[in-house]
């Protein structure tokens, strides 16, 4: 219980120190707003933040679905075809070497200023951790179990369903947790480059008007979205991969 309360204690202490610093030095809100002012903006601008927050959340969710639809089949294909893995691995690594700010303008040109470019940006960031961790999970399967399934005459789909997929699920959820924690980066950067809606667009507009308190409020909402997605993945993992909990 004490360990669970420790992060909350440090968070409250941080907010108190932040509030005291702003009041002690009488900092103007356009430079650094106090937490109390940010909280006030969260209440007064709740409809605006909610509207833009829903747009960004939808972009993130669609990006996750798109990356899963592409990453899971590709992981399976690379696992059962070492030649394909050898051919695609350099491309996967190279895709992560490209700065996201360099890819964002291209995606806006290709998919327009609407939701498509932001979904694609989120999917590009999510795709790599999901694909790589799932592939690693398949590879880590116990060789003795592989031999057992082979001796029993299990086919490709049977082995995938009853051996490789359950074995790789913990790896898959580990990659998915990483993915949802960085998915907001892709969506927001896409909104910064070119958008008419979303929290990234709202932050750019607020920053241009020196509404730093609204920028901080947008960051709070974005953090809440990311934490909610993280919690949803952890809950889904707990309900799906129950044997790991029993093992612990």
Protein backbone atom coordinates (compact mmCIF):
# COMPACT_ATOMS: atom_id res chain seq x y z
CA UNK A 1 0.00 0.00 0.00
CA UNK A 2 2.81 2.38 0.87
CA UNK A 3 4.61 1.57 -2.38
CA UNK A 4 1.43 2.28 -4.36
CA UNK A 5 1.02 5.64 -2.62
CA UNK A 6 4.64 6.69 -3.19
CA UNK A 7 4.21 7.84 -6.84
CA UNK A 8 1.11 9.81 -5.83
CA UNK A 9 3.06 11.47 -3.03
CA UNK A 10 5.85 12.56 -5.37
CA UNK A 11 3.31 13.79 -7.92
CA UNK A 12 1.52 15.94 -5.33
CA UNK A 13 4.87 17.23 -4.04
CA UNK A 14 5.88 18.15 -7.60
CA UNK A 15 2.63 20.07 -8.17
CA UNK A 16 3.03 21.86 -4.84
CA UNK A 17 6.60 22.88 -5.69
CA UNK A 18 5.50 24.04 -9.15
CA UNK A 19 2.64 26.12 -7.67
CA UNK A 20 4.92 27.65 -5.06
CA UNK A 21 7.58 28.51 -7.62
CA UNK A 22 5.07 30.30 -9.87
CA UNK A 23 3.58 32.27 -6.98
CA UNK A 24 6.90 33.10 -5.33
CA UNK A 25 8.42 34.59 -8.49
CA UNK A 26 5.09 35.94 -9.82
CA UNK A 27 5.61 34.32 -13.19
CA UNK A 28 3.22 35.48 -15.92
CA UNK A 29 0.84 32.79 -17.24
CA UNK A 30 2.19 33.10 -20.78
CA UNK A 31 5.61 32.05 -19.48
CA UNK A 32 4.75 29.29 -17.00
CA UNK A 33 1.19 28.87 -15.71
CA UNK A 34 0.63 27.49 -12.23
CA UNK A 35 -1.06 24.08 -11.86
CA UNK A 36 -4.12 25.82 -10.39
CA UNK A 37 -4.50 27.88 -13.58
CA UNK A 38 -4.05 24.78 -15.75
CA UNK A 39 -6.75 23.04 -13.71
CA UNK A 40 -9.04 26.05 -14.22
CA UNK A 41 -8.48 25.90 -17.98
CA UNK A 42 -9.25 22.17 -17.94
CA UNK A 43 -12.65 23.01 -16.49
CA UNK A 44 -13.50 26.15 -18.45
CA UNK A 45 -12.24 24.81 -21.80
CA UNK A 46 -13.52 21.26 -21.25
CA UNK A 47 -15.80 21.17 -24.36
CA UNK A 48 -12.97 22.40 -26.61
CA UNK A 49 -10.44 19.98 -25.12
CA UNK A 50 -12.92 17.11 -25.33
CA UNK A 51 -13.66 17.73 -29.01
CA UNK A 52 -10.02 17.88 -30.02
CA UNK A 53 -9.11 15.05 -27.64
CA UNK A 54 -11.66 12.73 -29.23
CA UNK A 55 -10.18 13.44 -32.65
CA UNK A 56 -6.65 12.61 -31.51
CA UNK A 57 -7.84 9.50 -29.65
CA UNK A 58 -9.62 8.25 -32.77
CA UNK A 59 -6.49 8.82 -34.84
CA UNK A 60 -4.41 6.84 -32.33
CA UNK A 61 -6.91 3.96 -32.19
CA UNK A 62 -7.11 3.73 -35.98
CA UNK A 63 -3.32 3.87 -36.17
CA UNK A 64 -3.08 0.97 -33.70
CA UNK A 65 -5.57 -1.10 -35.70
CA UNK A 66 -3.77 -0.33 -38.97
CA UNK A 67 -0.37 -1.28 -37.54
CA UNK A 68 -1.75 -4.52 -36.10
CA UNK A 69 -3.42 -5.41 -39.40
CA UNK A 70 -0.06 -5.02 -41.15
CA UNK A 71 2.40 -6.05 -38.41
CA UNK A 72 0.87 -9.33 -37.20
CA UNK A 73 0.67 -11.03 -40.66
CA UNK A 74 4.13 -9.73 -41.53
CA UNK A 75 5.59 -11.18 -38.30
CA UNK A 76 4.03 -14.55 -39.07
CA UNK A 77 5.30 -14.46 -42.65
CA UNK A 78 8.86 -13.54 -41.59
CA UNK A 79 8.88 -16.25 -38.92
CA UNK A 80 7.95 -19.02 -41.32
CA UNK A 81 10.17 -17.62 -44.10
CA UNK A 82 13.73 -16.79 -42.94
CA UNK A 83 14.52 -15.51 -46.44
CA UNK A 84 11.72 -12.97 -46.17
CA UNK A 85 12.94 -11.91 -42.73
CA UNK A 86 16.47 -11.44 -44.04
CA UNK A 87 15.14 -9.31 -46.89
CA UNK A 88 12.80 -7.13 -44.83
CA UNK A 89 14.79 -6.68 -41.61
CA UNK A 90 17.06 -3.93 -43.05
CA UNK A 91 13.97 -2.07 -44.28
CA UNK A 92 12.31 -2.28 -40.87
CA UNK A 93 15.43 -0.95 -39.17
CA UNK A 94 15.82 1.79 -41.77
CA UNK A 95 12.22 2.88 -41.22
CA UNK A 96 13.07 3.65 -37.59
CA UNK A 97 16.17 5.63 -38.59
CA UNK A 98 14.03 8.19 -40.45
CA UNK A 99 13.07 11.09 -38.15
CA UNK A 100 9.32 11.34 -37.68
CA UNK A 101 9.40 15.04 -38.55
CA UNK A 102 10.89 14.12 -41.94
CA UNK A 103 8.12 11.61 -42.70
CA UNK A 104 5.21 13.72 -41.48
CA UNK A 105 5.20 16.30 -44.35
CA UNK A 106 5.32 13.49 -46.92
CA UNK A 107 2.35 11.74 -45.33
CA UNK A 108 0.41 15.01 -45.33
CA UNK A 109 1.15 15.44 -49.04
CA UNK A 110 0.13 11.84 -49.80
CA UNK A 111 -2.94 11.57 -47.58
CA UNK A 112 -4.01 15.20 -47.19
CA UNK A 113 -4.78 17.35 -44.16
CA UNK A 114 -7.54 15.07 -42.93
CA UNK A 115 -7.40 12.16 -40.53
CA UNK A 116 -5.67 9.80 -42.97
CA UNK A 117 -2.19 11.32 -42.64
CA UNK A 118 -2.37 11.31 -38.81
CA UNK A 119 -3.53 7.69 -38.72
CA UNK A 120 -0.68 6.75 -41.06
CA UNK A 121 1.82 8.65 -38.90
CA UNK A 122 0.67 6.87 -35.75
CA UNK A 123 0.75 3.50 -37.54
CA UNK A 124 4.32 4.07 -38.75
CA UNK A 125 5.52 4.61 -35.17
CA UNK A 126 3.51 1.71 -33.74
CA UNK A 127 4.36 -0.78 -36.49
CA UNK A 128 7.98 -1.50 -35.56
CA UNK A 129 7.68 -2.45 -31.85
CA UNK A 130 4.61 -4.61 -32.51
CA UNK A 131 6.18 -6.47 -35.44
CA UNK A 132 9.61 -7.00 -33.90
CA UNK A 133 8.42 -8.16 -30.47
CA UNK A 134 5.88 -10.58 -31.93
CA UNK A 135 8.53 -12.05 -34.23
CA UNK A 136 10.88 -12.44 -31.28
CA UNK A 137 8.10 -14.20 -29.38
CA UNK A 138 7.64 -16.71 -32.17
CA UNK A 139 11.39 -17.36 -32.27
CA UNK A 140 11.63 -17.94 -28.53
CA UNK A 141 9.27 -20.92 -28.62
CA UNK A 142 10.55 -24.06 -26.88
CA UNK A 143 12.23 -26.36 -29.48
CA UNK A 144 10.96 -29.47 -27.67
CA UNK A 145 7.39 -28.30 -28.09
CA UNK A 146 8.04 -27.67 -31.78
CA UNK A 147 9.29 -31.23 -32.12
CA UNK A 148 6.26 -32.58 -30.24
CA UNK A 149 3.82 -30.79 -32.54
CA UNK A 150 5.76 -31.99 -35.58
CA UNK A 151 5.74 -35.60 -34.40
CA UNK A 152 2.01 -35.40 -33.76
CA UNK A 153 1.52 -34.29 -37.36
CA UNK A 154 0.17 -30.82 -36.59
CA UNK A 155 -0.18 -28.58 -39.61
CA UNK A 156 0.81 -24.97 -40.07
CA UNK A 157 -2.42 -23.39 -38.82
CA UNK A 158 -2.75 -25.80 -35.90
CA UNK A 159 0.80 -25.19 -34.73
CA UNK A 160 0.39 -21.44 -35.11
CA UNK A 161 -2.87 -21.38 -33.20
CA UNK A 162 -2.04 -23.74 -30.35
CA UNK A 163 1.71 -23.26 -29.91
CA UNK A 164 3.36 -20.25 -31.50
CA UNK A 165 0.63 -17.67 -30.91
CA UNK A 166 0.02 -18.44 -27.20
CA UNK A 167 3.77 -18.59 -26.63
CA UNK A 168 4.32 -15.20 -28.30
CA UNK A 169 1.40 -13.39 -26.64
CA UNK A 170 3.45 -12.04 -23.68
CA UNK A 171 5.99 -10.61 -26.16
CA UNK A 172 3.17 -9.21 -28.28
CA UNK A 173 1.59 -7.36 -25.35
CA UNK A 174 5.00 -6.05 -24.27
CA UNK A 175 5.45 -4.52 -27.71
CA UNK A 176 1.88 -3.24 -27.73
CA UNK A 177 2.43 -1.45 -24.42
CA UNK A 178 5.44 0.30 -25.91
CA UNK A 179 3.44 1.08 -29.05
CA UNK A 180 0.47 2.73 -27.31
CA UNK A 181 2.82 4.80 -25.16
CA UNK A 182 4.41 6.37 -28.26
CA UNK A 183 1.37 6.32 -30.56
CA UNK A 184 0.36 9.82 -29.46
CA UNK A 185 3.69 11.13 -30.76
CA UNK A 186 2.83 10.19 -34.33
CA UNK A 187 -0.69 11.60 -34.20
CA UNK A 188 0.36 14.90 -32.60
CA UNK A 189 3.32 15.44 -34.93
CA UNK A 190 1.02 14.85 -37.87
CA UNK A 191 -1.37 17.45 -36.45
CA UNK A 192 1.48 19.88 -35.98
CA UNK A 193 2.57 19.56 -39.59
CA UNK A 194 -0.88 19.96 -41.08
CA UNK A 195 -4.31 19.62 -39.53
CA UNK A 196 -7.54 21.41 -38.77
CA UNK A 197 -8.43 19.46 -35.66
CA UNK A 198 -6.90 17.47 -32.78
CA UNK A 199 -4.86 18.25 -29.69
CA UNK A 200 -1.72 18.93 -31.72
CA UNK A 201 -3.59 21.53 -33.77
CA UNK A 202 -5.02 23.04 -30.59
CA UNK A 203 -1.57 23.28 -29.01
CA UNK A 204 -0.16 25.04 -32.07
CA UNK A 205 -3.03 27.53 -32.09
CA UNK A 206 -2.79 28.15 -28.34
CA UNK A 207 0.98 28.59 -28.50
CA UNK A 208 0.64 31.16 -31.28
CA UNK A 209 -1.75 33.14 -29.03
CA UNK A 210 0.52 32.76 -25.98
CA UNK A 211 -2.13 30.61 -24.29
CA UNK A 212 0.48 28.47 -22.56
CA UNK A 213 -2.08 27.40 -19.97
CA UNK A 214 -4.18 25.86 -22.76
CA UNK A 215 -1.06 24.14 -24.10
CA UNK A 216 -0.46 22.57 -20.69
CA UNK A 217 -4.13 21.57 -20.46
CA UNK A 218 -3.84 19.87 -23.86
CA UNK A 219 -0.77 18.00 -22.65
CA UNK A 220 -2.70 16.82 -19.59
CA UNK A 221 -5.51 15.49 -21.79
CA UNK A 222 -3.02 13.81 -24.13
CA UNK A 223 -1.28 12.19 -21.15
CA UNK A 224 -4.64 10.94 -19.87
CA UNK A 225 -5.37 9.39 -23.27
CA UNK A 226 -1.99 7.62 -23.36
CA UNK A 227 -2.35 6.36 -19.77
CA UNK A 228 -5.85 5.09 -20.53
CA UNK A 229 -4.62 3.17 -23.55
CA UNK A 230 -1.73 1.75 -21.50
CA UNK A 231 -4.18 0.63 -18.81
CA UNK A 232 -6.49 -0.93 -21.41
CA UNK A 233 -3.62 -2.96 -22.87
CA UNK A 234 -2.53 -4.11 -19.41
CA UNK A 235 -6.11 -5.13 -18.57
CA UNK A 236 -6.45 -7.01 -21.86
CA UNK A 237 -3.13 -8.75 -21.25
CA UNK A 238 -4.19 -9.78 -17.76
CA UNK A 239 -7.43 -11.26 -19.10
CA UNK A 240 -5.80 -12.95 -22.10
CA UNK A 241 -2.41 -14.21 -20.88
CA UNK A 242 -3.56 -15.66 -17.58
CA UNK A 243 -0.97 -18.42 -17.45
CA UNK A 244 1.85 -15.92 -16.91
CA UNK A 245 0.12 -14.62 -13.78
CA UNK A 246 -0.27 -18.17 -12.46
CA UNK A 247 3.38 -18.86 -13.17
CA UNK A 248 4.43 -15.79 -11.19
